[in-house]
Amino acid sequence: MTNQDFTLEEWLRKHQAQFYPLVPFDAAADRLLAMDFTDANAALTADVLNNTSAFSAYVTAALQGAGARYGYGGYNEHRTVYSRSPHFSDAAGGEPRRLHLGMDIWGPAGTPVYAPVSGMVHSYAYNNNPSDYGATIILSHQLDGRQFYTLYGHLSLDDLTLAKEGNYVVAGQLLAHFGEPKENGNWPPHLHFQVIEDMGLNEGDYPGVCRYSERDIYLRNCPNPDAIIQWQQWLA
């Protein structure tokens, strides 16, 4: 079989032993909390979602209450939280964007982010729309002949000063840090990590949220990032 006989997710899972941890995590000592940002989470009222301080306090309290180092989840999740910003709505009143295409890791601002696999800096940008990615870096990878991209959103703005398109990044190299709300799109501190097969003409940005009607198209191009992170197994 050739590499094209596998889906990208299958290809990534086939090479899991090669991936470096994305953030510091000790499976023997650290707990993870599965976080739900859908309508099923009644605690996410409009008052919480529309106040970043309250939203951040909610995330912090949830992690502390569970004794968890990180919150985790969100891939293929139809989320309530995007109602907080017009950035995810259709100006003409059509279908809003609510389906999340990446995986989120929730934790303290300043948490280091490492390149899980070697590659090159494809592009970077400060996506400063309300509730957008904020500081963003995209890497391009060739893994045993298969090309794909990884996107890192909600970073510290200082990390962009060190990014340069074409720079080579080694697996395990410090890439960035979780940003503060003022620089990460006004979210509680976290990392949005997304795998993308075809970037098209996008630079410094790629949709991390799509319309539900476009779900199948986007999920084919953006496979489950847990194939790289490998944390699903540690969730209760």
Protein backbone atom coordinates (compact mmCIF):
# COMPACT_ATOMS: atom_id res chain seq x y z
CA MET A 1 0.00 0.00 0.00
CA THR A 2 1.16 3.54 -0.71
CA ASN A 3 0.76 6.48 1.64
CA GLN A 4 -2.19 7.72 -0.42
CA ASP A 5 -4.10 4.50 0.34
CA PHE A 6 -4.43 5.71 3.93
CA THR A 7 -6.51 8.65 5.09
CA LEU A 8 -4.36 11.32 6.73
CA GLU A 9 -5.68 10.33 10.16
CA GLU A 10 -4.76 6.70 9.53
CA TRP A 11 -1.32 7.81 8.36
CA LEU A 12 -0.77 9.90 11.50
CA ARG A 13 -1.86 7.08 13.79
CA LYS A 14 0.52 4.76 11.93
CA HIS A 15 3.39 7.12 12.87
CA GLN A 16 2.35 8.00 16.43
CA ALA A 17 5.60 6.78 17.97
CA GLN A 18 7.40 9.64 16.19
CA PHE A 19 5.40 12.51 17.74
CA TYR A 20 6.76 14.69 20.51
CA PRO A 21 4.40 15.88 23.31
CA LEU A 22 2.63 19.08 22.29
CA VAL A 23 2.67 20.50 25.84
CA PRO A 24 4.22 19.27 29.10
CA PHE A 25 2.17 16.30 30.33
CA ASP A 26 2.93 13.34 32.60
CA ALA A 27 0.32 10.64 32.04
CA ALA A 28 1.26 9.01 35.35
CA ALA A 29 0.71 12.15 37.42
CA ASP A 30 -1.42 14.66 35.49
CA ARG A 31 -5.19 14.51 35.11
CA LEU A 32 -7.15 15.68 32.09
CA LEU A 33 -10.68 17.06 32.14
CA ALA A 34 -13.00 16.51 29.19
CA MET A 35 -14.63 19.90 28.58
CA ASP A 36 -18.00 20.34 26.90
CA PHE A 37 -18.86 23.61 25.16
CA THR A 38 -22.13 22.52 23.57
CA ASP A 39 -25.73 23.35 24.52
CA ALA A 40 -25.57 20.40 26.91
CA ASN A 41 -23.42 22.48 29.27
CA ALA A 42 -25.99 24.52 31.19
CA ALA A 43 -23.28 26.37 33.13
CA LEU A 44 -22.27 28.26 30.00
CA THR A 45 -24.86 30.99 30.26
CA ALA A 46 -24.80 34.11 28.10
CA ASP A 47 -23.46 36.05 31.10
CA VAL A 48 -20.46 33.69 31.28
CA LEU A 49 -19.79 33.51 27.56
CA ASN A 50 -20.00 37.25 27.00
CA ASN A 51 -17.61 38.13 29.83
CA THR A 52 -14.09 36.84 29.26
CA SER A 53 -13.16 37.20 32.93
CA ALA A 54 -16.18 35.13 33.94
CA PHE A 55 -15.48 32.60 31.19
CA SER A 56 -11.84 32.31 32.32
CA ALA A 57 -12.94 31.89 35.94
CA TYR A 58 -15.31 29.11 34.84
CA VAL A 59 -12.49 27.23 33.08
CA THR A 60 -10.09 27.69 36.00
CA ALA A 61 -12.67 26.52 38.55
CA ALA A 62 -13.54 23.47 36.43
CA LEU A 63 -9.88 22.45 36.19
CA GLN A 64 -9.22 23.02 39.88
CA GLY A 65 -12.39 21.19 40.88
CA ALA A 66 -11.32 18.14 38.88
CA GLY A 67 -7.69 18.34 39.99
CA ALA A 68 -6.80 18.50 36.30
CA ARG A 69 -3.73 20.07 34.73
CA TYR A 70 -5.52 20.64 31.40
CA GLY A 71 -8.96 20.65 29.88
CA TYR A 72 -9.24 18.76 26.61
CA GLY A 73 -11.66 18.28 23.75
CA GLY A 74 -13.72 20.03 21.15
CA TYR A 75 -13.00 18.22 17.89
CA ASN A 76 -16.16 17.83 15.79
CA GLU A 77 -18.11 19.58 18.56
CA HIS A 78 -21.17 21.71 17.75
CA ARG A 79 -20.52 24.59 20.12
CA THR A 80 -22.62 27.13 21.96
CA VAL A 81 -19.62 29.34 22.64
CA TYR A 82 -19.39 30.87 19.18
CA SER A 83 -22.57 32.81 19.75
CA ARG A 84 -20.35 35.22 21.72
CA SER A 85 -18.96 36.84 18.56
CA PRO A 86 -20.34 38.08 15.22
CA HIS A 87 -17.14 36.71 13.67
CA PHE A 88 -18.88 33.31 13.45
CA SER A 89 -22.19 34.60 12.09
CA ASP A 90 -23.34 35.23 8.54
CA ALA A 91 -23.84 38.94 7.87
CA ALA A 92 -26.82 38.11 5.66
CA GLY A 93 -28.48 36.08 8.42
CA GLY A 94 -27.59 32.68 6.99
CA GLU A 95 -26.23 29.63 8.77
CA PRO A 96 -23.66 30.55 11.44
CA ARG A 97 -20.38 28.70 11.97
CA ARG A 98 -20.55 26.46 15.04
CA LEU A 99 -18.74 23.15 14.23
CA HIS A 100 -15.25 23.07 15.77
CA LEU A 101 -12.48 21.58 13.62
CA GLY A 102 -9.53 21.50 16.01
CA MET A 103 -8.72 20.21 19.47
CA ASP A 104 -8.47 22.60 22.42
CA ILE A 105 -6.11 22.28 25.37
CA TRP A 106 -7.19 24.59 28.22
CA GLY A 107 -4.58 25.65 30.76
CA PRO A 108 -2.62 28.61 32.16
CA ALA A 109 -1.34 31.44 30.00
CA GLY A 110 2.36 30.95 29.33
CA THR A 111 2.09 27.15 28.99
CA PRO A 112 4.83 26.13 26.52
CA VAL A 113 3.89 24.60 23.17
CA TYR A 114 6.34 22.30 21.37
CA ALA A 115 6.42 21.19 17.75
CA PRO A 116 5.12 17.59 17.77
CA VAL A 117 6.83 16.77 14.47
CA SER A 118 9.56 18.45 12.44
CA GLY A 119 8.56 20.87 9.71
CA MET A 120 8.83 24.41 8.41
CA VAL A 121 7.01 27.61 9.30
CA HIS A 122 4.39 27.90 6.55
CA SER A 123 2.92 31.21 7.74
CA TYR A 124 1.83 33.19 10.78
CA ALA A 125 -0.52 36.08 11.57
CA TYR A 126 -2.23 38.07 14.26
CA ASN A 127 -5.90 37.27 13.63
CA ASN A 128 -7.39 39.97 15.80
CA ASN A 129 -11.13 39.74 15.07
CA PRO A 130 -13.31 39.30 18.18
CA SER A 131 -13.00 35.66 19.35
CA ASP A 132 -10.64 34.83 16.47
CA TYR A 133 -7.34 32.93 16.85
CA GLY A 134 -5.30 35.93 17.93
CA ALA A 135 -1.62 35.06 17.44
CA THR A 136 -1.38 32.08 15.06
CA ILE A 137 1.41 29.92 13.64
CA ILE A 138 1.04 27.29 10.88
CA LEU A 139 3.68 24.62 10.20
CA SER A 140 4.13 22.52 7.06
CA HIS A 141 5.25 18.90 7.45
CA GLN A 142 6.47 16.02 5.32
CA LEU A 143 6.05 12.74 7.18
CA ASP A 144 7.42 9.74 5.30
CA GLY A 145 6.35 11.34 2.02
CA ARG A 146 2.95 12.61 3.18
CA GLN A 147 2.40 16.38 3.41
CA PHE A 148 0.13 18.05 5.96
CA TYR A 149 -0.06 21.17 8.11
CA THR A 150 -0.60 21.95 11.78
CA LEU A 151 -2.16 25.16 13.08
CA TYR A 152 -1.54 26.65 16.53
CA GLY A 153 -3.99 29.35 17.60
CA HIS A 154 -4.48 31.61 20.65
CA LEU A 155 -0.74 32.01 21.23
CA SER A 156 1.29 34.71 22.91
CA LEU A 157 1.83 37.66 20.60
CA ASP A 158 5.54 37.68 21.52
CA ASP A 159 5.89 34.27 19.85
CA LEU A 160 5.21 35.82 16.44
CA THR A 161 8.31 38.01 16.73
CA LEU A 162 10.42 34.82 16.51
CA ALA A 163 8.48 33.21 13.66
CA LYS A 164 9.80 33.47 10.11
CA GLU A 165 8.34 31.78 7.06
CA GLY A 166 10.59 28.99 5.81
CA ASN A 167 12.35 28.46 9.14
CA TYR A 168 12.91 24.79 9.94
CA VAL A 169 11.42 23.54 13.22
CA VAL A 170 12.66 20.35 14.86
CA ALA A 171 10.29 17.98 16.67
CA GLY A 172 10.35 18.89 20.36
CA GLN A 173 11.47 22.47 19.71
CA LEU A 174 9.76 25.19 21.74
CA LEU A 175 7.36 26.86 19.32
CA ALA A 176 5.10 29.14 21.35
CA HIS A 177 3.08 29.68 24.55
CA PHE A 178 -0.59 29.96 25.48
CA GLY A 179 -1.56 33.62 25.14
CA GLU A 180 -3.37 35.95 27.51
CA PRO A 181 -6.97 36.90 26.58
CA LYS A 182 -5.89 40.33 25.34
CA GLU A 183 -3.73 38.69 22.63
CA ASN A 184 -5.49 35.37 21.98
CA GLY A 185 -8.80 36.60 20.57
CA ASN A 186 -10.25 37.38 24.01
CA TRP A 187 -10.62 33.76 25.12
CA PRO A 188 -9.66 32.00 28.35
CA PRO A 189 -6.06 30.81 27.85
CA HIS A 190 -5.85 27.70 25.72
CA LEU A 191 -4.30 26.22 22.58
CA HIS A 192 -6.32 25.49 19.46
CA PHE A 193 -4.45 22.72 17.63
CA GLN A 194 -5.65 21.71 14.18
CA VAL A 195 -4.40 19.30 11.52
CA ILE A 196 -5.01 20.32 7.90
CA GLU A 197 -4.35 18.23 4.80
CA ASP A 198 -4.79 20.94 2.16
CA MET A 199 -4.19 24.60 3.08
CA GLY A 200 -5.28 25.86 -0.33
CA LEU A 201 -4.25 29.51 -0.66
CA ASN A 202 -4.65 30.28 3.05
CA GLU A 203 -1.77 31.92 4.90
CA GLY A 204 -1.64 32.66 8.61
CA ASP A 205 -5.21 31.49 8.98
CA TYR A 206 -7.52 28.58 8.20
CA PRO A 207 -11.12 28.10 9.39
CA GLY A 208 -11.22 26.46 12.80
CA VAL A 209 -15.01 26.53 12.84
CA CYS A 210 -17.36 25.73 9.96
CA ARG A 211 -21.07 25.64 9.19
CA TYR A 212 -22.68 22.35 10.18
CA SER A 213 -23.85 21.89 6.58
CA GLU A 214 -20.15 21.90 5.53
CA ARG A 215 -19.14 19.41 8.22
CA ASP A 216 -18.21 16.47 6.00
CA ILE A 217 -16.05 18.54 3.65
CA TYR A 218 -14.07 20.17 6.44
CA LEU A 219 -13.68 17.06 8.59
CA ARG A 220 -12.17 15.20 5.63
CA ASN A 221 -9.58 17.97 5.31
CA CYS A 222 -9.08 18.38 9.08
CA PRO A 223 -8.73 14.95 10.74
CA ASN A 224 -8.87 14.37 14.48
CA PRO A 225 -5.79 16.00 16.08
CA ASP A 226 -5.82 13.36 18.81
CA ALA A 227 -4.01 11.19 16.25
CA ILE A 228 -1.00 13.36 17.13
CA ILE A 229 -1.76 14.44 20.72
CA GLN A 230 -2.85 10.93 21.87
CA TRP A 231 -4.72 12.11 24.99
CA GLN A 232 -8.16 10.60 24.35
CA GLN A 233 -7.00 7.43 26.07
CA TRP A 234 -6.35 9.33 29.30
CA LEU A 235 -9.82 10.90 29.59
CA ALA A 236 -12.12 9.37 32.18
